[in-house]
C-alpha cells in the first residue's frame, strides 16, 4: 500500500509539473478518494495534497474544478482556511469564488459560517450571494443562529429566508414565522413555501392568514401548503377555507386551489370542482386543471361528474382531457372509469368521430387494464385511421396478451366480419 501511494505521489508531481490537470485529477482521486483518508502516508502528505488540489481549483477549467471539489472535501478541515481566503479575495475570478463558496457549504463546519454570512452582507454579485445562501443552507443546524441574525437586515433577509428553507429542520420554524408578514412579497412567499413542509401546529395559522394576502404568489403558496394537510380537513374546515380560492382574481391561485382541494378526497370537493368545470366563465386552463383534480379526488362521484361534464361539453379540448385522465385512475376506481370510456365509445357522441379522441380512449383503456375492454378495442380495429388502429393494438397488448391474441386468431377466420374489421385484425396479428 505504501509503495503504491508513493508511486501515485510521484506521478501526481509529474502531472503537476507538466500542468496536466486531467491526469493530476486522476492521481489525486486515487490517492484521496480511493485510499483510507487516515492512512499514515496520506496524513503525512495532506498539506502537499492540498497544494496540488488547490492548483487545479485555481488553474483548471469548469469541469476539472467540479471534479476536484469532491477531493477537497475528503481532505478535511485543512481545506477550509484556503477556501475562505479565495472567497474573501474580491480580485479573484468570480467562478473560482463560486466554487469556494459551494465547497465551504459541504464542510458543514462553524468556521465557514462567518465568511459566507459576510459575503451575503457585503458582496454585490447576486449570483455569488445566491451560492453562499445555498451553501449556508447545506450546513444545517450550525448555521441557523447566524441566518436568523441576517433576518434583521432588509438587504440580507430574502437570502437568509432561502437559506433557512434549504436547511429544512424544525429549528427554522420560529425564524421563518417571524417574517411571514414582511413588507417584501418575495420574503413572505419564500417563508410560506418553506413553512409548508412542516407538520407543526404553529404553521397552519400562518398559512390560513396568508390565504388573504394581497400578493397572489403568497396566496398560491398558502393554498398549496394547506393542500398537504388533508389530515386537518375537518379540524380547520379546509374545504370551506380553500373553496373561495377557486374563484381568485389570479388564475395560478385558482389552479393551486383545485389541486389542493383534490387532496381532501371528499364528495363535497368533487361537487365544487364540477360546478367550476361547467361554468361558462371558467377559463380553459383552469377547466383543464379542474378535470385533473376531479380524477385525483378519487371518489365515485368525481368520476360521475367527469362523465356528466363530457356529455354536456362541446369542447374537443375538454373531451380529450377527460378521456385522457380517466386512464390515470387508480384502483379501486379502474372499473368505473373503464365503464365510462366504454359508454362513450358505444354512444353516438360527436367525440367518437374524432380520431385523436378515439386514440386517447384506446390508450386509457389499455392503461386501466380491465378485460371488459377487449371487444370494444377490437371493434376500433375497424376504424380506417392508422393511428386509431395502432393505439387499439397497443391497448390490447396491455390487457391479457395471450387471451387477446387467441381471440384475435379466432376472429381472423370469421368471414361474417366487415372487410375493415378483418383487415384491422390481420394488422393486429401481424403487429403482435
Protein backbone atom coordinates (compact mmCIF):
# COMPACT_ATOMS: atom_id res chain seq x y z
CA UNK A 1 0.00 0.00 0.00
CA UNK A 2 2.79 2.44 0.99
CA UNK A 3 4.72 1.85 -2.24
CA UNK A 4 1.52 2.33 -4.27
CA UNK A 5 0.82 5.65 -2.51
CA UNK A 6 4.40 6.83 -3.05
CA UNK A 7 4.19 5.89 -6.73
CA UNK A 8 0.95 7.89 -7.11
CA UNK A 9 2.57 10.86 -5.34
CA UNK A 10 5.45 10.82 -7.84
CA UNK A 11 3.01 10.57 -10.77
CA UNK A 12 0.96 13.43 -9.32
CA UNK A 13 4.03 15.65 -9.03
CA UNK A 14 5.00 14.84 -12.65
CA UNK A 15 1.50 15.75 -13.85
CA UNK A 16 1.61 18.95 -11.79
CA UNK A 17 4.97 19.97 -13.28
CA UNK A 18 3.57 19.40 -16.77
CA UNK A 19 0.32 21.27 -15.94
CA UNK A 20 -1.52 18.10 -16.98
CA UNK A 21 -4.60 18.78 -14.85
CA UNK A 22 -6.69 15.85 -16.13
CA UNK A 23 -4.00 13.33 -15.16
CA UNK A 24 -3.38 15.11 -11.86
CA UNK A 25 -7.09 14.82 -11.02
CA UNK A 26 -6.98 11.07 -11.67
CA UNK A 27 -3.96 10.57 -9.41
CA UNK A 28 -5.45 12.71 -6.64
CA UNK A 29 -8.74 10.85 -6.86
CA UNK A 30 -6.89 7.55 -6.47
CA UNK A 31 -4.90 8.92 -3.55
CA UNK A 32 -7.69 10.64 -1.66
CA UNK A 33 -10.94 9.02 -2.77
CA UNK A 34 -9.56 5.53 -3.31
CA UNK A 35 -7.47 5.31 -0.13
CA UNK A 36 -8.25 5.47 3.58
CA UNK A 37 -8.07 9.21 4.33
CA UNK A 38 -6.47 8.41 7.72
CA UNK A 39 -3.72 6.24 6.26
CA UNK A 40 -0.39 7.44 7.77
CA UNK A 41 1.09 8.23 4.34
CA UNK A 42 -1.98 10.30 3.38
CA UNK A 43 -1.95 12.15 6.72
CA UNK A 44 1.78 12.88 6.37
CA UNK A 45 1.32 14.32 2.86
CA UNK A 46 -2.03 16.02 3.41
CA UNK A 47 -0.71 19.59 3.10
CA UNK A 48 1.15 18.66 -0.08
CA UNK A 49 -2.01 17.05 -1.49
CA UNK A 50 -3.95 20.17 -0.57
CA UNK A 51 -1.47 22.29 -2.52
CA UNK A 52 -1.90 20.09 -5.62
CA UNK A 53 -5.68 20.08 -5.28
CA UNK A 54 -5.89 23.86 -4.92
CA UNK A 55 -3.72 24.27 -8.02
CA UNK A 56 -6.41 22.52 -10.06
CA UNK A 57 -9.14 24.61 -8.46
CA UNK A 58 -7.22 27.75 -9.45
CA UNK A 59 -5.99 26.69 -12.91
CA UNK A 60 -8.44 24.07 -14.18
CA UNK A 61 -11.45 24.50 -16.44
CA UNK A 62 -15.08 24.34 -15.28
CA UNK A 63 -15.36 20.53 -15.41
CA UNK A 64 -11.98 19.99 -13.74
CA UNK A 65 -12.93 22.34 -10.92
CA UNK A 66 -16.21 20.50 -10.50
CA UNK A 67 -14.41 17.16 -10.16
CA UNK A 68 -11.71 18.38 -7.79
CA UNK A 69 -14.16 19.82 -5.22
CA UNK A 70 -15.04 16.23 -4.26
CA UNK A 71 -11.37 15.67 -3.46
CA UNK A 72 -11.19 18.88 -1.45
CA UNK A 73 -13.99 17.87 0.88
CA UNK A 74 -12.33 14.50 1.54
CA UNK A 75 -9.11 16.25 2.58
CA UNK A 76 -10.97 17.51 5.63
CA UNK A 77 -10.97 20.78 7.56
CA UNK A 78 -7.42 21.60 6.40
CA UNK A 79 -9.06 22.93 3.19
CA UNK A 80 -11.35 25.41 4.94
CA UNK A 81 -8.85 28.25 5.52
CA UNK A 82 -7.53 28.43 1.92
CA UNK A 83 -11.10 28.26 0.60
CA UNK A 84 -12.08 31.17 2.85
CA UNK A 85 -9.10 33.14 1.53
CA UNK A 86 -10.29 32.55 -2.05
CA UNK A 87 -13.83 33.56 -1.12
CA UNK A 88 -12.75 36.79 0.57
CA UNK A 89 -10.41 37.90 -2.23
CA UNK A 90 -12.54 40.23 -4.36
CA UNK A 91 -9.86 40.27 -7.07
CA UNK A 92 -10.20 36.52 -7.61
CA UNK A 93 -12.24 35.47 -10.63
CA UNK A 94 -15.96 35.02 -9.96
CA UNK A 95 -16.14 31.34 -10.93
CA UNK A 96 -13.35 30.42 -8.50
CA UNK A 97 -15.10 32.24 -5.64
CA UNK A 98 -18.31 30.45 -6.68
CA UNK A 99 -16.58 27.07 -6.22
CA UNK A 100 -15.06 28.15 -2.91
CA UNK A 101 -18.47 29.14 -1.53
CA UNK A 102 -20.11 25.97 -2.79
CA UNK A 103 -17.39 23.74 -1.33
CA UNK A 104 -17.39 25.50 2.06
CA UNK A 105 -21.07 24.63 2.42
CA UNK A 106 -20.27 20.94 2.08
CA UNK A 107 -17.93 21.00 5.09
CA UNK A 108 -20.77 21.96 7.45
CA UNK A 109 -18.17 23.49 9.78
CA UNK A 110 -18.74 26.52 12.07
CA UNK A 111 -15.59 28.24 10.74
CA UNK A 112 -17.17 28.51 7.29
CA UNK A 113 -20.27 30.35 8.51
CA UNK A 114 -18.83 33.83 9.18
CA UNK A 115 -17.21 34.37 5.75
CA UNK A 116 -20.33 33.14 3.95
CA UNK A 117 -22.52 35.42 6.06
CA UNK A 118 -20.17 38.36 5.47
CA UNK A 119 -20.37 37.75 1.73
CA UNK A 120 -24.17 37.88 1.92
CA UNK A 121 -23.96 41.20 3.75
CA UNK A 122 -21.40 42.98 1.63
CA UNK A 123 -20.89 41.46 -1.84
CA UNK A 124 -22.74 42.97 -4.79
CA UNK A 125 -22.65 39.89 -7.01
CA UNK A 126 -26.16 38.43 -6.80
CA UNK A 127 -25.20 35.05 -8.26
CA UNK A 128 -22.35 34.62 -5.81
CA UNK A 129 -24.63 35.63 -2.94
CA UNK A 130 -27.16 33.03 -4.04
CA UNK A 131 -24.44 30.36 -3.99
CA UNK A 132 -23.42 31.48 -0.50
CA UNK A 133 -27.04 31.29 0.65
CA UNK A 134 -27.31 27.75 -0.71
CA UNK A 135 -24.03 26.81 1.00
CA UNK A 136 -25.31 28.10 4.34
CA UNK A 137 -28.48 26.14 3.81
CA UNK A 138 -26.44 22.96 3.34
CA UNK A 139 -24.74 23.47 6.69
CA UNK A 140 -27.82 22.62 8.71
CA UNK A 141 -28.23 23.40 12.40
CA UNK A 142 -24.84 25.11 12.83
CA UNK A 143 -25.89 27.96 10.52
CA UNK A 144 -29.39 28.67 11.88
CA UNK A 145 -28.31 31.24 14.51
CA UNK A 146 -26.24 33.26 12.02
CA UNK A 147 -29.01 33.16 9.42
CA UNK A 148 -31.59 34.25 11.96
CA UNK A 149 -29.47 37.32 12.70
CA UNK A 150 -29.47 38.15 8.98
CA UNK A 151 -33.26 38.41 9.06
CA UNK A 152 -32.89 41.73 10.87
CA UNK A 153 -31.27 43.36 7.83
CA UNK A 154 -33.58 44.18 4.92
CA UNK A 155 -30.73 43.66 2.41
CA UNK A 156 -29.96 40.10 3.52
CA UNK A 157 -33.40 38.97 4.70
CA UNK A 158 -34.53 37.26 1.49
CA UNK A 159 -31.31 35.26 1.06
CA UNK A 160 -31.45 34.32 4.75
CA UNK A 161 -35.02 33.03 4.35
CA UNK A 162 -33.99 31.00 1.33
CA UNK A 163 -31.03 29.56 3.23
CA UNK A 164 -33.27 28.63 6.16
CA UNK A 165 -35.65 26.94 3.75
CA UNK A 166 -32.77 24.83 2.35
CA UNK A 167 -31.97 23.59 5.86
CA UNK A 168 -35.46 22.17 6.34
CA UNK A 169 -35.14 21.49 10.09
CA UNK A 170 -37.83 22.25 12.72
CA UNK A 171 -35.44 24.75 14.33
CA UNK A 172 -36.05 27.06 11.36
CA UNK A 173 -39.80 27.36 12.02
CA UNK A 174 -39.54 30.18 14.57
CA UNK A 175 -37.30 32.46 12.47
CA UNK A 176 -39.42 31.77 9.36
CA UNK A 177 -42.62 32.65 11.22
CA UNK A 178 -41.08 35.99 12.15
CA UNK A 179 -41.13 37.13 8.50
CA UNK A 180 -44.48 35.79 7.20
CA UNK A 181 -45.84 39.35 7.27
CA UNK A 182 -42.73 41.04 5.90
CA UNK A 183 -43.30 44.06 3.59
CA UNK A 184 -41.45 42.28 0.76
CA UNK A 185 -43.65 39.91 -1.23
CA UNK A 186 -40.74 37.62 -2.16
CA UNK A 187 -39.85 37.15 1.51
CA UNK A 188 -43.44 36.35 2.52
CA UNK A 189 -43.71 33.88 -0.36
CA UNK A 190 -40.42 32.14 0.44
CA UNK A 191 -41.31 31.89 4.14
CA UNK A 192 -44.76 30.40 3.47
CA UNK A 193 -43.31 27.91 0.97
CA UNK A 194 -40.66 26.82 3.48
CA UNK A 195 -43.11 26.52 6.37
CA UNK A 196 -45.45 24.39 4.27
CA UNK A 197 -43.07 21.43 4.52
CA UNK A 198 -43.52 21.16 8.29
CA UNK A 199 -46.30 19.33 10.13
CA UNK A 200 -46.15 21.61 13.13
CA UNK A 201 -49.08 23.17 14.98
CA UNK A 202 -47.56 26.65 14.64
CA UNK A 203 -47.68 26.56 10.84
CA UNK A 204 -51.38 26.19 9.81
CA UNK A 205 -52.48 29.52 11.39
CA UNK A 206 -49.82 31.33 9.34
CA UNK A 207 -50.95 29.56 6.15
CA UNK A 208 -54.62 30.36 6.82
CA UNK A 209 -53.77 34.00 7.38
CA UNK A 210 -51.75 34.09 4.14
CA UNK A 211 -54.78 32.92 2.12
CA UNK A 212 -55.93 36.53 2.08
CA UNK A 213 -52.56 38.12 1.36
CA UNK A 214 -52.63 40.96 -1.16
CA UNK A 215 -49.96 39.22 -3.26
CA UNK A 216 -51.04 36.31 -5.50
CA UNK A 217 -47.74 34.45 -5.05
CA UNK A 218 -48.25 34.39 -1.29
CA UNK A 219 -51.87 33.23 -1.61
CA UNK A 220 -50.81 30.48 -4.00
CA UNK A 221 -48.06 29.28 -1.65
CA UNK A 222 -50.52 29.19 1.25
CA UNK A 223 -53.12 27.31 -0.81
CA UNK A 224 -50.57 24.69 -1.87
CA UNK A 225 -49.22 24.40 1.66
CA UNK A 226 -52.66 23.70 3.13
CA UNK A 227 -53.20 21.11 0.41
CA UNK A 228 -50.52 19.00 2.07
CA UNK A 229 -52.59 18.82 5.27
CA UNK A 230 -55.68 16.75 4.43
CA UNK A 231 -55.36 15.40 7.99
CA UNK A 232 -56.60 18.83 9.16
CA UNK A 233 -59.54 18.94 6.72
CA UNK A 234 -62.24 18.75 9.37
CA UNK A 235 -60.41 20.43 12.26
CA UNK A 236 -59.68 23.57 10.18
CA UNK A 237 -62.67 23.28 7.82
CA UNK A 238 -60.19 23.40 4.95
CA UNK A 239 -62.71 22.75 2.17
CA UNK A 240 -64.68 25.84 3.18
CA UNK A 241 -61.46 27.86 3.55
CA UNK A 242 -59.99 26.83 0.20
CA UNK A 243 -63.16 26.81 -1.95
CA UNK A 244 -63.26 30.62 -2.48
CA UNK A 245 -59.75 30.44 -3.94
CA UNK A 246 -61.18 28.55 -6.92
CA UNK A 247 -62.52 31.96 -7.95
CA UNK A 248 -59.46 34.05 -7.08
CA UNK A 249 -58.55 37.02 -9.28
CA UNK A 250 -55.32 35.21 -10.18
CA UNK A 251 -55.64 32.04 -12.28
CA UNK A 252 -52.50 30.49 -10.76
CA UNK A 253 -54.14 30.69 -7.34
CA UNK A 254 -57.30 29.13 -8.80
CA UNK A 255 -55.34 26.23 -10.27
CA UNK A 256 -53.48 25.72 -6.99
CA UNK A 257 -56.82 25.65 -5.15
CA UNK A 258 -58.11 22.93 -7.49
CA UNK A 259 -55.01 20.83 -6.79
CA UNK A 260 -55.13 21.33 -3.03
CA UNK A 261 -58.85 20.68 -2.76
CA UNK A 262 -58.45 17.46 -4.72
CA UNK A 263 -56.16 16.19 -1.96
CA UNK A 264 -59.02 16.49 0.53
CA UNK A 265 -60.64 13.49 -1.18
CA UNK A 266 -64.32 14.02 -0.42
CA UNK A 267 -67.61 14.35 -2.32
CA UNK A 268 -68.03 17.97 -1.25
CA UNK A 269 -64.82 18.82 -3.10
CA UNK A 270 -65.94 16.89 -6.18
CA UNK A 271 -69.18 18.89 -6.24
CA UNK A 272 -67.35 22.23 -6.01
CA UNK A 273 -64.91 21.25 -8.75
CA UNK A 274 -67.71 20.11 -11.06
CA UNK A 275 -69.52 23.41 -10.54
CA UNK A 276 -66.34 25.26 -11.54
CA UNK A 277 -65.72 22.98 -14.53
CA UNK A 278 -69.10 23.50 -16.18
CA UNK A 279 -69.29 27.25 -15.52
CA UNK A 280 -69.20 29.22 -18.80
CA UNK A 281 -66.99 31.80 -17.08
CA UNK A 282 -64.17 29.37 -16.21
CA UNK A 283 -61.03 29.89 -18.40
CA UNK A 284 -59.85 26.85 -20.36
CA UNK A 285 -56.55 26.38 -18.45
CA UNK A 286 -58.48 26.25 -15.18
CA UNK A 287 -61.03 23.84 -16.67
CA UNK A 288 -58.19 21.50 -17.63
CA UNK A 289 -56.70 21.72 -14.14
CA UNK A 290 -60.14 21.03 -12.67
CA UNK A 291 -60.55 17.91 -14.80
CA UNK A 292 -57.25 16.56 -13.46
CA UNK A 293 -58.26 17.48 -9.93
CA UNK A 294 -61.54 15.57 -10.20
CA UNK A 295 -59.60 12.41 -11.02
CA UNK A 296 -57.26 12.97 -8.05
CA UNK A 297 -60.24 13.30 -5.69
CA UNK A 298 -60.69 9.58 -6.28
CA UNK A 299 -64.33 9.14 -5.29
CA UNK A 300 -67.10 7.51 -7.39
CA UNK A 301 -68.93 10.83 -7.57
CA UNK A 302 -65.86 12.59 -9.02
CA UNK A 303 -65.84 10.16 -11.96
CA UNK A 304 -69.57 10.61 -12.48
CA UNK A 305 -69.05 14.37 -12.62
CA UNK A 306 -66.42 13.88 -15.31
CA UNK A 307 -68.82 11.78 -17.35
CA UNK A 308 -71.53 14.44 -17.00
CA UNK A 309 -69.10 17.18 -17.98
CA UNK A 310 -68.05 15.17 -21.04
CA UNK A 311 -71.66 14.80 -22.17
CA UNK A 312 -72.50 18.46 -21.56
CA UNK A 313 -69.39 19.97 -23.14
CA UNK A 314 -68.93 20.87 -26.80
CA UNK A 315 -65.18 21.44 -26.47
CA UNK A 316 -62.87 18.97 -28.23
CA UNK A 317 -60.05 20.02 -25.89
CA UNK A 318 -62.08 19.12 -22.80
CA UNK A 319 -63.26 15.84 -24.32
CA UNK A 320 -59.64 14.91 -24.99
CA UNK A 321 -58.52 15.78 -21.47
CA UNK A 322 -61.35 13.90 -19.79
CA UNK A 323 -60.77 10.63 -21.65
CA UNK A 324 -57.02 11.00 -21.09
CA UNK A 325 -57.21 11.50 -17.31
CA UNK A 326 -59.69 8.64 -16.91
CA UNK A 327 -56.84 6.35 -17.95
CA UNK A 328 -54.83 7.51 -14.91
CA UNK A 329 -57.43 6.40 -12.37
CA UNK A 330 -56.07 4.07 -9.70
CA UNK A 331 -57.74 1.02 -8.19
CA UNK A 332 -60.44 0.57 -6.94
CA UNK A 333 -61.85 3.09 -9.45
CA UNK A 334 -60.46 1.45 -12.62
CA UNK A 335 -63.68 -0.46 -13.34
CA UNK A 336 -65.98 2.60 -13.15
CA UNK A 337 -63.52 4.58 -15.29
CA UNK A 338 -63.44 1.78 -17.87
CA UNK A 339 -67.23 1.68 -17.98
CA UNK A 340 -67.41 5.42 -18.61
CA UNK A 341 -64.97 5.15 -21.53
CA UNK A 342 -66.89 2.19 -22.97
CA UNK A 343 -70.17 4.09 -22.71
CA UNK A 344 -68.59 6.95 -24.66
CA UNK A 345 -67.47 4.50 -27.39
CA UNK A 346 -70.96 2.95 -27.65
CA UNK A 347 -72.73 6.30 -27.73
CA UNK A 348 -73.42 8.50 -30.73
CA UNK A 349 -71.45 11.31 -29.10
CA UNK A 350 -69.72 13.59 -31.66
CA UNK A 351 -66.39 12.96 -29.92
CA UNK A 352 -66.34 9.38 -31.23
CA UNK A 353 -65.99 10.74 -34.76
CA UNK A 354 -62.64 12.36 -33.90
CA UNK A 355 -59.58 10.18 -34.44
CA UNK A 356 -57.42 11.79 -31.73
CA UNK A 357 -60.12 11.16 -29.12
CA UNK A 358 -60.53 7.54 -30.18
CA UNK A 359 -56.75 7.20 -29.82
CA UNK A 360 -56.92 8.68 -26.33
CA UNK A 361 -59.78 6.36 -25.35
CA UNK A 362 -57.83 3.33 -26.58
CA UNK A 363 -54.73 4.45 -24.69
CA UNK A 364 -56.71 4.96 -21.47
CA UNK A 365 -58.44 1.59 -21.74
CA UNK A 366 -55.03 -0.04 -22.13
CA UNK A 367 -53.71 1.76 -19.06
CA UNK A 368 -56.70 0.73 -16.96
CA UNK A 369 -56.19 -2.91 -17.93
CA UNK A 370 -59.78 -4.09 -17.48
CA UNK A 371 -60.58 -7.19 -19.55
CA UNK A 372 -64.10 -5.99 -20.38
CA UNK A 373 -62.41 -3.57 -22.81
CA UNK A 374 -61.23 -6.35 -25.19
CA UNK A 375 -64.21 -6.43 -27.54
CA UNK A 376 -64.67 -2.63 -27.77
CA UNK A 377 -60.94 -2.27 -28.51
CA UNK A 378 -61.17 -4.95 -31.19
CA UNK A 379 -64.05 -3.01 -32.72
CA UNK A 380 -61.74 0.01 -33.00
CA UNK A 381 -59.56 -2.05 -35.34
CA UNK A 382 -62.27 -1.49 -37.97
CA UNK A 383 -61.53 2.25 -37.99
CA UNK A 384 -59.57 3.04 -41.14
CA UNK A 385 -57.44 5.69 -39.41
CA UNK A 386 -53.97 4.13 -38.98
CA UNK A 387 -53.28 5.91 -35.68
CA UNK A 388 -56.53 4.67 -34.11
CA UNK A 389 -55.74 1.10 -35.14
CA UNK A 390 -52.20 1.29 -33.73
CA UNK A 391 -53.45 2.71 -30.44
CA UNK A 392 -56.08 -0.03 -30.22
CA UNK A 393 -53.42 -2.71 -30.86
CA UNK A 394 -51.14 -1.22 -28.18
CA UNK A 395 -54.04 -1.16 -25.72
CA UNK A 396 -54.97 -4.79 -26.47
CA UNK A 397 -51.37 -5.81 -25.76
CA UNK A 398 -51.65 -4.16 -22.34
CA UNK A 399 -54.53 -6.43 -21.42
CA UNK A 400 -54.16 -10.21 -21.07
CA UNK A 401 -51.87 -10.70 -24.07
CA UNK A 402 -52.36 -14.42 -24.56
CA UNK A 403 -56.17 -14.37 -24.22
CA UNK A 404 -56.42 -11.38 -26.53
CA UNK A 405 -54.21 -12.99 -29.16
CA UNK A 406 -56.30 -16.16 -29.10
CA UNK A 407 -59.49 -14.16 -29.54
CA UNK A 408 -58.00 -12.26 -32.50
CA UNK A 409 -56.94 -15.56 -34.11
CA UNK A 410 -60.47 -16.94 -33.77
CA UNK A 411 -61.94 -13.77 -35.27
CA UNK A 412 -59.49 -13.87 -38.16
CA UNK A 413 -61.32 -16.90 -39.53
CA UNK A 414 -64.77 -15.30 -39.17
CA UNK A 415 -65.96 -14.43 -42.68
CA UNK A 416 -69.03 -12.63 -41.29
CA UNK A 417 -66.90 -9.69 -40.14
CA UNK A 418 -66.77 -6.49 -42.17
CA UNK A 419 -63.79 -6.15 -44.52
CA UNK A 420 -62.44 -3.21 -42.48
CA UNK A 421 -62.51 -5.22 -39.26
CA UNK A 422 -60.95 -8.23 -40.97
CA UNK A 423 -58.17 -6.00 -42.24
CA UNK A 424 -57.68 -4.44 -38.78
CA UNK A 425 -57.45 -7.85 -37.13
CA UNK A 426 -54.91 -9.00 -39.72
CA UNK A 427 -52.79 -5.91 -38.97
CA UNK A 428 -53.06 -6.55 -35.24
CA UNK A 429 -51.93 -10.19 -35.57
CA UNK A 430 -49.02 -9.10 -37.75
CA UNK A 431 -48.03 -6.46 -35.18
CA UNK A 432 -48.26 -8.85 -32.19
